[in-house]
């Protein structure tokens, strides 16, 4: 990412510019802290650790203030612009914050929501954060626990929470105090909130290290406890019968078997998209990777284990390009929509995730980098997978997206995004299949 930085000229710099210079200098000095550590005793190191923790909290508070000011300014600017849909006012603000913070748009929205709540309705908690008395994580928990309250009750509960001494508590106990005061302030609303949240039940999947994954269920408390008790009870029965697996292994295997209906947990139906020469996958000494559909890259050895050890249905796919980086088979640049094999190829190249920088949401739309209405072709090189949010945000005034590398040569498919403030971010896909 590159951005222009205003230079200081004489005494014309603003206090804000001076503050930026001071923060930049402090950041540079922090990088040299380890070099000055040779003759420091451990007590001093602990003091530094504690002080740096307070600095992190104070920096988070300052960042929140900048987020709120930026959001207010952007809303005013968008209201002055002619937008076809008035509901679009506010769109893209959190996305710019997310890009600056190198996080997903959803996380950017969450951070902006916390910043607005602390700035507008929780002055006491915000003051503790500025002082470094609580962490950004604890401040976020307080916001989460009382976000359903009306503004006047939020301020009342905020004062009670701080008076209750959350500065000296663990994150779990601080959240418990906030939850208790929120319930006492509006018991009826708290119960209704619990009933409403049950409609938001869902299941999620995300990758974990070492070719593992995290399958999570956001469930009503009673259903979550019932699932856990059933899995644990079944595991205890098998262990008492001599099963050699651990309780955790049995519970995990039983979960897969009961959800999928398989006899054995390992008999999964797997599609292994081979985005590399197939002889490399068959070579036991290869160090390259294969692509497991719905997960991402896995070592070729793990891909072979899946194919060899499963009794389920398996699919192999090998994807081709024409010689010398020619056009991909199956794409018609005159068509309006990406579909068929062209859609599959783009989805495979982009790993099934949104191509906006730092966004890992699933692909929902296949977008023309150069807009179709402006003559952009429906082709492999002009397509990218994006989430629904990303596709809407790029239509806001001031956003531009362009292809830097088409991905058919040595460079991966690369897209450059420029935000309304002129900041530039790049997104690189894997190698062209």
Protein backbone atom coordinates (compact mmCIF):
# COMPACT_ATOMS: atom_id res chain seq x y z
CA UNK A 1 0.00 0.00 0.00
CA UNK A 2 1.31 3.47 -0.87
CA UNK A 3 -0.02 6.81 0.22
CA UNK A 4 1.08 10.41 -0.12
CA UNK A 5 2.21 12.07 3.11
CA UNK A 6 2.22 15.83 3.46
CA UNK A 7 5.65 17.23 4.31
CA UNK A 8 6.22 19.82 7.01
CA UNK A 9 7.11 23.31 5.74
CA UNK A 10 8.31 25.83 8.30
CA UNK A 11 5.71 26.63 10.96
CA UNK A 12 2.70 26.00 8.69
CA UNK A 13 2.17 22.42 9.81
CA UNK A 14 -0.97 21.77 11.77
CA UNK A 15 -1.02 20.20 15.25
CA UNK A 16 -2.38 17.05 13.63
CA UNK A 17 0.65 16.89 11.29
CA UNK A 18 2.98 17.36 14.23
CA UNK A 19 1.25 14.56 16.09
CA UNK A 20 1.67 12.23 13.08
CA UNK A 21 5.39 13.05 12.97
CA UNK A 22 5.69 12.39 16.68
CA UNK A 23 3.89 9.04 16.41
CA UNK A 24 6.09 8.03 13.46
CA UNK A 25 9.21 8.86 15.45
CA UNK A 26 7.90 6.92 18.46
CA UNK A 27 7.19 3.92 16.24
CA UNK A 28 10.76 4.02 14.98
CA UNK A 29 12.13 4.25 18.54
CA UNK A 30 10.08 1.28 19.67
CA UNK A 31 11.84 -0.78 17.03
CA UNK A 32 15.19 -0.06 18.70
CA UNK A 33 14.02 -0.94 22.20
CA UNK A 34 15.46 -4.47 22.04
CA UNK A 35 18.90 -3.10 21.12
CA UNK A 36 18.98 -1.08 24.36
CA UNK A 37 18.07 -4.09 26.49
CA UNK A 38 21.47 -5.62 27.21
CA UNK A 39 21.96 -4.21 30.72
CA UNK A 40 18.33 -4.16 31.88
CA UNK A 41 17.14 -6.34 34.77
CA UNK A 42 13.92 -8.36 34.63
CA UNK A 43 12.02 -6.05 36.98
CA UNK A 44 12.56 -3.21 34.52
CA UNK A 45 11.46 -5.43 31.65
CA UNK A 46 8.18 -6.17 33.44
CA UNK A 47 7.68 -2.42 33.96
CA UNK A 48 8.21 -1.89 30.24
CA UNK A 49 5.78 -4.66 29.35
CA UNK A 50 3.11 -3.09 31.56
CA UNK A 51 3.78 0.37 30.14
CA UNK A 52 3.63 -0.88 26.55
CA UNK A 53 0.30 -2.55 27.31
CA UNK A 54 -1.04 0.80 28.45
CA UNK A 55 0.38 2.44 25.32
CA UNK A 56 -1.47 -0.15 23.19
CA UNK A 57 -4.75 0.70 24.94
CA UNK A 58 -4.22 4.45 24.63
CA UNK A 59 -3.32 4.02 20.94
CA UNK A 60 -6.54 2.06 20.42
CA UNK A 61 -8.53 4.89 22.03
CA UNK A 62 -6.85 7.44 19.77
CA UNK A 63 -7.53 5.23 16.75
CA UNK A 64 -11.22 5.05 17.75
CA UNK A 65 -11.43 8.84 17.78
CA UNK A 66 -9.94 9.00 14.29
CA UNK A 67 -12.41 6.36 13.06
CA UNK A 68 -15.39 8.31 14.36
CA UNK A 69 -14.13 11.58 12.87
CA UNK A 70 -13.42 9.90 9.52
CA UNK A 71 -16.86 8.26 9.44
CA UNK A 72 -18.61 11.55 10.22
CA UNK A 73 -16.69 13.37 7.50
CA UNK A 74 -17.35 10.63 4.94
CA UNK A 75 -21.09 10.63 5.66
CA UNK A 76 -21.22 14.39 5.15
CA UNK A 77 -19.30 14.03 1.88
CA UNK A 78 -21.57 11.27 0.62
CA UNK A 79 -24.66 13.28 1.48
CA UNK A 80 -23.36 16.07 -0.74
CA UNK A 81 -22.85 13.64 -3.62
CA UNK A 82 -25.68 12.57 -5.85
CA UNK A 83 -26.31 8.92 -5.02
CA UNK A 84 -28.93 6.90 -6.84
CA UNK A 85 -29.81 5.08 -3.63
CA UNK A 86 -29.98 7.20 -0.43
CA UNK A 87 -29.57 3.99 1.53
CA UNK A 88 -26.03 3.83 0.19
CA UNK A 89 -24.94 6.71 2.44
CA UNK A 90 -22.38 5.24 4.82
CA UNK A 91 -21.40 2.40 2.48
CA UNK A 92 -17.67 1.89 2.07
CA UNK A 93 -16.65 3.80 5.20
CA UNK A 94 -15.89 0.77 7.34
CA UNK A 95 -14.27 -0.86 4.30
CA UNK A 96 -11.71 1.95 4.07
CA UNK A 97 -11.00 1.60 7.79
CA UNK A 98 -10.59 -2.14 7.33
CA UNK A 99 -8.06 -1.64 4.53
CA UNK A 100 -6.06 0.79 6.66
CA UNK A 101 -6.05 -1.71 9.54
CA UNK A 102 -5.35 -4.73 7.28
CA UNK A 103 -8.47 -6.56 8.47
CA UNK A 104 -11.63 -7.84 6.79
CA UNK A 105 -14.54 -5.49 6.03
CA UNK A 106 -16.64 -7.27 8.65
CA UNK A 107 -13.96 -6.66 11.28
CA UNK A 108 -13.72 -3.05 10.11
CA UNK A 109 -17.45 -2.63 10.71
CA UNK A 110 -17.13 -4.17 14.16
CA UNK A 111 -14.29 -1.82 15.11
CA UNK A 112 -16.13 1.22 13.84
CA UNK A 113 -19.23 0.17 15.80
CA UNK A 114 -17.17 -0.14 18.98
CA UNK A 115 -15.53 3.24 18.35
CA UNK A 116 -18.90 4.94 17.85
CA UNK A 117 -20.38 3.35 20.97
CA UNK A 118 -17.42 4.35 23.16
CA UNK A 119 -17.33 7.85 21.73
CA UNK A 120 -21.05 8.54 21.96
CA UNK A 121 -22.49 6.54 24.84
CA UNK A 122 -19.73 5.11 27.05
CA UNK A 123 -17.54 8.02 28.14
CA UNK A 124 -16.40 6.38 31.39
CA UNK A 125 -15.24 3.17 29.70
CA UNK A 126 -13.61 5.23 26.93
CA UNK A 127 -11.70 7.23 29.57
CA UNK A 128 -10.33 4.01 31.11
CA UNK A 129 -9.16 2.92 27.68
CA UNK A 130 -7.43 6.26 27.02
CA UNK A 131 -5.64 5.95 30.36
CA UNK A 132 -4.53 2.41 29.54
CA UNK A 133 -6.40 1.05 32.57
CA UNK A 134 -8.29 -1.51 30.47
CA UNK A 135 -7.46 -3.22 27.19
CA UNK A 136 -9.16 -2.68 23.85
CA UNK A 137 -10.50 -6.23 24.14
CA UNK A 138 -12.23 -5.50 27.47
CA UNK A 139 -13.68 -2.26 26.09
CA UNK A 140 -15.09 -4.23 23.16
CA UNK A 141 -16.67 -6.75 25.54
CA UNK A 142 -18.39 -3.95 27.45
CA UNK A 143 -19.82 -2.56 24.21
CA UNK A 144 -21.04 -6.01 23.19
CA UNK A 145 -22.81 -6.62 26.48
CA UNK A 146 -24.75 -3.33 26.55
CA UNK A 147 -25.18 -2.55 22.84
CA UNK A 148 -28.91 -3.39 22.93
CA UNK A 149 -29.71 -0.71 25.50
CA UNK A 150 -31.06 2.74 24.54
CA UNK A 151 -28.52 5.57 24.70
CA UNK A 152 -29.60 6.96 28.09
CA UNK A 153 -29.41 3.54 29.75
CA UNK A 154 -26.03 2.87 28.15
CA UNK A 155 -24.55 5.93 29.83
CA UNK A 156 -26.10 4.95 33.15
CA UNK A 157 -24.77 1.39 32.95
CA UNK A 158 -21.40 2.68 31.74
CA UNK A 159 -20.98 4.68 34.94
CA UNK A 160 -21.97 1.67 37.09
CA UNK A 161 -19.56 -0.63 35.26
CA UNK A 162 -16.59 1.66 35.83
CA UNK A 163 -17.61 2.25 39.45
CA UNK A 164 -17.69 -1.53 39.83
CA UNK A 165 -13.94 -1.64 39.31
CA UNK A 166 -13.57 -3.43 35.97
CA UNK A 167 -10.07 -1.99 35.60
CA UNK A 168 -8.69 -4.63 37.92
CA UNK A 169 -10.63 -7.62 36.59
CA UNK A 170 -10.04 -10.34 34.04
CA UNK A 171 -11.81 -9.98 30.70
CA UNK A 172 -14.32 -12.68 31.61
CA UNK A 173 -15.23 -11.11 34.94
CA UNK A 174 -15.42 -7.63 33.40
CA UNK A 175 -17.86 -8.93 30.78
CA UNK A 176 -19.90 -10.65 33.51
CA UNK A 177 -20.25 -7.36 35.44
CA UNK A 178 -21.33 -5.52 32.28
CA UNK A 179 -23.84 -8.26 31.52
CA UNK A 180 -25.30 -8.13 35.04
CA UNK A 181 -25.72 -4.35 35.06
CA UNK A 182 -27.23 -4.45 31.56
CA UNK A 183 -29.79 -7.01 32.72
CA UNK A 184 -30.65 -4.99 35.84
CA UNK A 185 -31.12 -1.84 33.73
CA UNK A 186 -33.54 -3.48 31.29
CA UNK A 187 -34.52 -7.05 32.26
CA UNK A 188 -37.37 -7.26 29.73
CA UNK A 189 -35.15 -6.07 26.87
CA UNK A 190 -32.41 -8.49 27.87
CA UNK A 191 -34.80 -11.45 27.69
CA UNK A 192 -36.15 -10.29 24.32
CA UNK A 193 -32.59 -9.95 23.04
CA UNK A 194 -31.91 -13.53 24.01
CA UNK A 195 -34.99 -14.68 22.13
CA UNK A 196 -34.02 -12.65 19.07
CA UNK A 197 -30.48 -14.04 19.03
CA UNK A 198 -31.86 -17.54 18.65
CA UNK A 199 -32.97 -16.58 15.16
CA UNK A 200 -29.30 -15.87 14.30
CA UNK A 201 -28.14 -19.44 14.90
CA UNK A 202 -25.62 -20.59 12.31
CA UNK A 203 -22.69 -22.84 11.54
CA UNK A 204 -19.29 -21.64 10.34
CA UNK A 205 -16.13 -23.20 8.96
CA UNK A 206 -12.66 -21.72 8.79
CA UNK A 207 -9.18 -23.13 8.22
CA UNK A 208 -6.90 -23.98 11.12
CA UNK A 209 -3.14 -24.68 11.13
CA UNK A 210 -1.66 -28.01 10.04
CA UNK A 211 -4.44 -28.91 7.55
CA UNK A 212 -7.12 -28.82 10.24
CA UNK A 213 -10.35 -26.80 10.29
CA UNK A 214 -12.69 -25.25 12.86
CA UNK A 215 -16.36 -26.16 12.48
CA UNK A 216 -18.36 -23.98 14.87
CA UNK A 217 -22.02 -23.74 15.74
CA UNK A 218 -23.60 -20.56 17.08
CA UNK A 219 -26.45 -22.23 18.93
CA UNK A 220 -28.96 -21.50 21.70
CA UNK A 221 -27.32 -22.40 24.99
CA UNK A 222 -29.59 -25.36 25.73
CA UNK A 223 -29.00 -26.88 22.28
CA UNK A 224 -25.25 -26.41 22.53
CA UNK A 225 -25.19 -28.13 25.94
CA UNK A 226 -27.36 -30.95 24.59
CA UNK A 227 -25.02 -31.55 21.63
CA UNK A 228 -21.97 -31.58 23.87
CA UNK A 229 -23.59 -33.93 26.39
CA UNK A 230 -24.69 -36.36 23.65
CA UNK A 231 -21.21 -36.50 22.10
CA UNK A 232 -19.51 -36.91 25.45
CA UNK A 233 -21.96 -39.59 26.62
CA UNK A 234 -21.45 -41.59 23.42
CA UNK A 235 -17.68 -41.27 23.80
CA UNK A 236 -17.79 -42.52 27.40
CA UNK A 237 -19.83 -45.53 26.30
CA UNK A 238 -17.30 -46.48 23.62
CA UNK A 239 -14.33 -45.95 25.92
CA UNK A 240 -15.87 -48.22 28.55
CA UNK A 241 -16.27 -50.84 25.79
CA UNK A 242 -12.55 -50.74 25.00
CA UNK A 243 -12.33 -48.22 22.15
CA UNK A 244 -8.69 -47.18 21.86
CA UNK A 245 -9.34 -43.62 20.72
CA UNK A 246 -9.27 -40.68 23.09
CA UNK A 247 -12.51 -39.05 24.21
CA UNK A 248 -11.81 -36.00 22.03
CA UNK A 249 -11.14 -38.16 18.98
CA UNK A 250 -14.35 -40.14 19.46
CA UNK A 251 -16.41 -36.97 19.93
CA UNK A 252 -14.93 -35.41 16.77
CA UNK A 253 -15.46 -38.59 14.72
CA UNK A 254 -19.02 -38.98 16.01
CA UNK A 255 -19.84 -35.39 15.07
CA UNK A 256 -18.73 -35.99 11.47
CA UNK A 257 -20.53 -39.35 11.25
CA UNK A 258 -23.83 -38.06 12.61
CA UNK A 259 -23.86 -34.89 10.50
CA UNK A 260 -22.85 -36.58 7.23
CA UNK A 261 -24.48 -39.97 7.76
CA UNK A 262 -21.19 -41.73 7.01
CA UNK A 263 -20.26 -45.00 8.68
CA UNK A 264 -16.71 -43.77 9.27
CA UNK A 265 -15.65 -40.16 9.76
CA UNK A 266 -12.76 -40.55 7.31
CA UNK A 267 -15.03 -41.64 4.44
CA UNK A 268 -15.65 -38.09 3.31
CA UNK A 269 -16.65 -37.09 -0.19
CA UNK A 270 -13.69 -34.98 -1.31
CA UNK A 271 -12.97 -32.88 -4.35
CA UNK A 272 -9.27 -32.23 -4.75
CA UNK A 273 -8.70 -29.47 -7.27
CA UNK A 274 -5.18 -30.00 -8.58
CA UNK A 275 -3.84 -26.60 -9.54
CA UNK A 276 -0.45 -28.04 -10.53
CA UNK A 277 0.88 -30.84 -12.74
CA UNK A 278 -0.79 -34.06 -11.68
CA UNK A 279 2.51 -35.96 -11.68
CA UNK A 280 3.64 -33.64 -8.87
CA UNK A 281 0.76 -34.87 -6.74
CA UNK A 282 1.67 -38.47 -7.47
CA UNK A 283 5.35 -37.84 -6.71
CA UNK A 284 5.93 -38.81 -3.04
CA UNK A 285 8.89 -36.43 -2.80
CA UNK A 286 7.14 -33.30 -4.06
CA UNK A 287 6.97 -30.23 -1.84
CA UNK A 288 4.22 -28.50 -3.79
CA UNK A 289 0.60 -28.09 -2.75
CA UNK A 290 -2.81 -29.13 -3.99
CA UNK A 291 -6.06 -27.21 -3.54
CA UNK A 292 -8.78 -28.83 -1.43
CA UNK A 293 -12.09 -27.34 -2.53
CA UNK A 294 -13.74 -25.43 0.32
CA UNK A 295 -10.55 -25.29 2.40
CA UNK A 296 -7.53 -24.05 0.47
CA UNK A 297 -3.98 -25.29 -0.13
CA UNK A 298 -2.83 -28.55 1.45
CA UNK A 299 0.48 -30.39 1.04
CA UNK A 300 0.46 -32.89 -1.81
CA UNK A 301 1.15 -35.65 0.71
CA UNK A 302 -2.04 -34.82 2.61
CA UNK A 303 -3.99 -34.75 -0.67
CA UNK A 304 -2.69 -38.25 -1.44
CA UNK A 305 -3.71 -39.42 2.05
CA UNK A 306 -7.25 -38.10 1.52
CA UNK A 307 -7.54 -39.85 -1.83
CA UNK A 308 -6.05 -43.11 -0.57
CA UNK A 309 -7.72 -43.31 2.83
CA UNK A 310 -11.31 -42.33 2.09
CA UNK A 311 -14.10 -44.70 1.17
CA UNK A 312 -16.26 -41.81 -0.03
CA UNK A 313 -16.71 -40.42 -3.50
CA UNK A 314 -13.68 -38.56 -4.81
CA UNK A 315 -13.17 -36.11 -7.65
CA UNK A 316 -9.92 -35.21 -9.34
CA UNK A 317 -9.72 -32.17 -11.54
CA UNK A 318 -6.86 -30.91 -13.64
CA UNK A 319 -7.16 -27.45 -15.15
CA UNK A 320 -5.48 -26.45 -18.41
CA UNK A 321 -4.38 -23.33 -20.23
CA UNK A 322 -3.56 -23.07 -23.88
CA UNK A 323 0.18 -23.12 -24.72
CA UNK A 324 2.32 -20.05 -24.03
CA UNK A 325 -0.23 -18.42 -21.73
CA UNK A 326 -3.04 -18.37 -24.30
CA UNK A 327 -6.73 -17.94 -23.49
CA UNK A 328 -8.45 -20.41 -21.22
CA UNK A 329 -10.79 -22.92 -22.79
CA UNK A 330 -14.47 -22.34 -22.05
CA UNK A 331 -14.58 -18.55 -21.78
CA UNK A 332 -16.67 -16.36 -24.08
CA UNK A 333 -15.65 -12.69 -23.66
CA UNK A 334 -18.92 -11.49 -25.24
CA UNK A 335 -21.13 -13.03 -22.56
CA UNK A 336 -22.53 -10.85 -19.77
CA UNK A 337 -22.16 -13.35 -16.95
CA UNK A 338 -19.37 -15.57 -15.74
CA UNK A 339 -20.73 -19.11 -15.72
CA UNK A 340 -19.83 -22.72 -16.47
CA UNK A 341 -16.18 -23.67 -16.42
CA UNK A 342 -15.06 -20.07 -16.58
CA UNK A 343 -16.77 -19.42 -13.23
CA UNK A 344 -15.18 -22.57 -11.79
CA UNK A 345 -11.75 -21.52 -13.01
CA UNK A 346 -12.00 -18.04 -11.47
CA UNK A 347 -13.29 -19.51 -8.19
CA UNK A 348 -10.41 -21.98 -8.10
CA UNK A 349 -7.81 -19.34 -8.90
CA UNK A 350 -9.16 -17.04 -6.17
CA UNK A 351 -9.35 -19.85 -3.63
CA UNK A 352 -13.09 -19.47 -3.07
CA UNK A 353 -12.57 -16.23 -1.12
CA UNK A 354 -13.25 -12.58 -1.90
CA UNK A 355 -10.41 -10.89 -3.76
CA UNK A 356 -10.71 -7.59 -1.92
CA UNK A 357 -7.57 -7.09 0.19
CA UNK A 358 -7.77 -8.71 3.65
CA UNK A 359 -11.31 -10.02 3.02
CA UNK A 360 -11.76 -13.78 3.43
CA UNK A 361 -15.53 -13.90 2.95
CA UNK A 362 -16.83 -16.56 0.53
CA UNK A 363 -17.23 -15.57 -3.10
CA UNK A 364 -20.81 -14.52 -3.83
CA UNK A 365 -20.36 -12.55 -7.07
CA UNK A 366 -18.04 -12.83 -10.06
CA UNK A 367 -17.14 -9.25 -10.89
CA UNK A 368 -15.74 -7.63 -14.04
CA UNK A 369 -12.59 -5.73 -13.04
CA UNK A 370 -13.10 -3.50 -16.07
CA UNK A 371 -16.87 -3.01 -15.95
CA UNK A 372 -18.89 -4.82 -18.58
CA UNK A 373 -20.94 -1.71 -19.29
CA UNK A 374 -17.67 0.06 -20.17
CA UNK A 375 -16.66 -2.69 -22.60
CA UNK A 376 -14.81 -4.99 -20.22
CA UNK A 377 -14.76 -8.60 -21.49
CA UNK A 378 -16.19 -11.60 -19.65
CA UNK A 379 -12.82 -13.35 -19.46
CA UNK A 380 -10.62 -15.17 -17.02
CA UNK A 381 -8.20 -12.27 -16.70
CA UNK A 382 -10.94 -9.65 -16.28
CA UNK A 383 -12.87 -11.61 -13.68
CA UNK A 384 -12.47 -11.76 -9.93
CA UNK A 385 -14.45 -13.36 -7.13
CA UNK A 386 -15.87 -10.97 -4.53
CA UNK A 387 -18.33 -11.03 -1.66
CA UNK A 388 -21.67 -9.24 -2.02
CA UNK A 389 -20.42 -6.36 0.12
CA UNK A 390 -17.29 -5.85 -1.97
CA UNK A 391 -19.29 -5.75 -5.17
CA UNK A 392 -21.54 -2.99 -3.78
CA UNK A 393 -18.71 -0.92 -2.30
CA UNK A 394 -16.79 -0.61 -5.58
CA UNK A 395 -19.83 1.13 -7.09
CA UNK A 396 -19.52 3.99 -4.60
CA UNK A 397 -18.01 7.28 -5.85
CA UNK A 398 -14.23 7.45 -5.67
CA UNK A 399 -13.49 3.71 -5.78
CA UNK A 400 -11.51 2.29 -8.71
CA UNK A 401 -10.39 -1.26 -9.45
CA UNK A 402 -7.91 -2.26 -12.16
CA UNK A 403 -5.90 -5.30 -13.24
CA UNK A 404 -2.15 -4.97 -12.79
CA UNK A 405 -1.10 -8.49 -13.92
CA UNK A 406 -3.37 -10.87 -15.85
CA UNK A 407 -1.94 -13.97 -14.17
CA UNK A 408 -1.07 -15.75 -17.41
CA UNK A 409 2.63 -15.04 -17.09
CA UNK A 410 5.06 -15.46 -14.19
CA UNK A 411 3.23 -12.89 -12.06
CA UNK A 412 0.02 -13.97 -10.26
CA UNK A 413 -3.30 -12.34 -11.13
CA UNK A 414 -3.06 -8.95 -9.40
CA UNK A 415 -5.75 -6.33 -8.86
CA UNK A 416 -5.18 -2.79 -7.61
CA UNK A 417 -7.88 -1.04 -5.56
CA UNK A 418 -7.85 2.74 -5.03
CA UNK A 419 -10.09 4.18 -2.30
CA UNK A 420 -11.79 7.61 -2.30
CA UNK A 421 -8.95 9.00 -0.16
CA UNK A 422 -6.37 7.97 -2.77
CA UNK A 423 -4.91 5.04 -0.84
CA UNK A 424 -3.84 2.07 -2.94
CA UNK A 425 -4.04 -1.62 -2.05
CA UNK A 426 -3.20 -4.70 -4.10
CA UNK A 427 -4.61 -8.22 -4.06
CA UNK A 428 -2.77 -11.21 -5.55
CA UNK A 429 -4.37 -14.54 -6.39
CA UNK A 430 -2.66 -17.88 -6.68
CA UNK A 431 -1.05 -19.01 -9.94
CA UNK A 432 -3.27 -19.37 -12.97
CA UNK A 433 -4.57 -22.93 -13.31
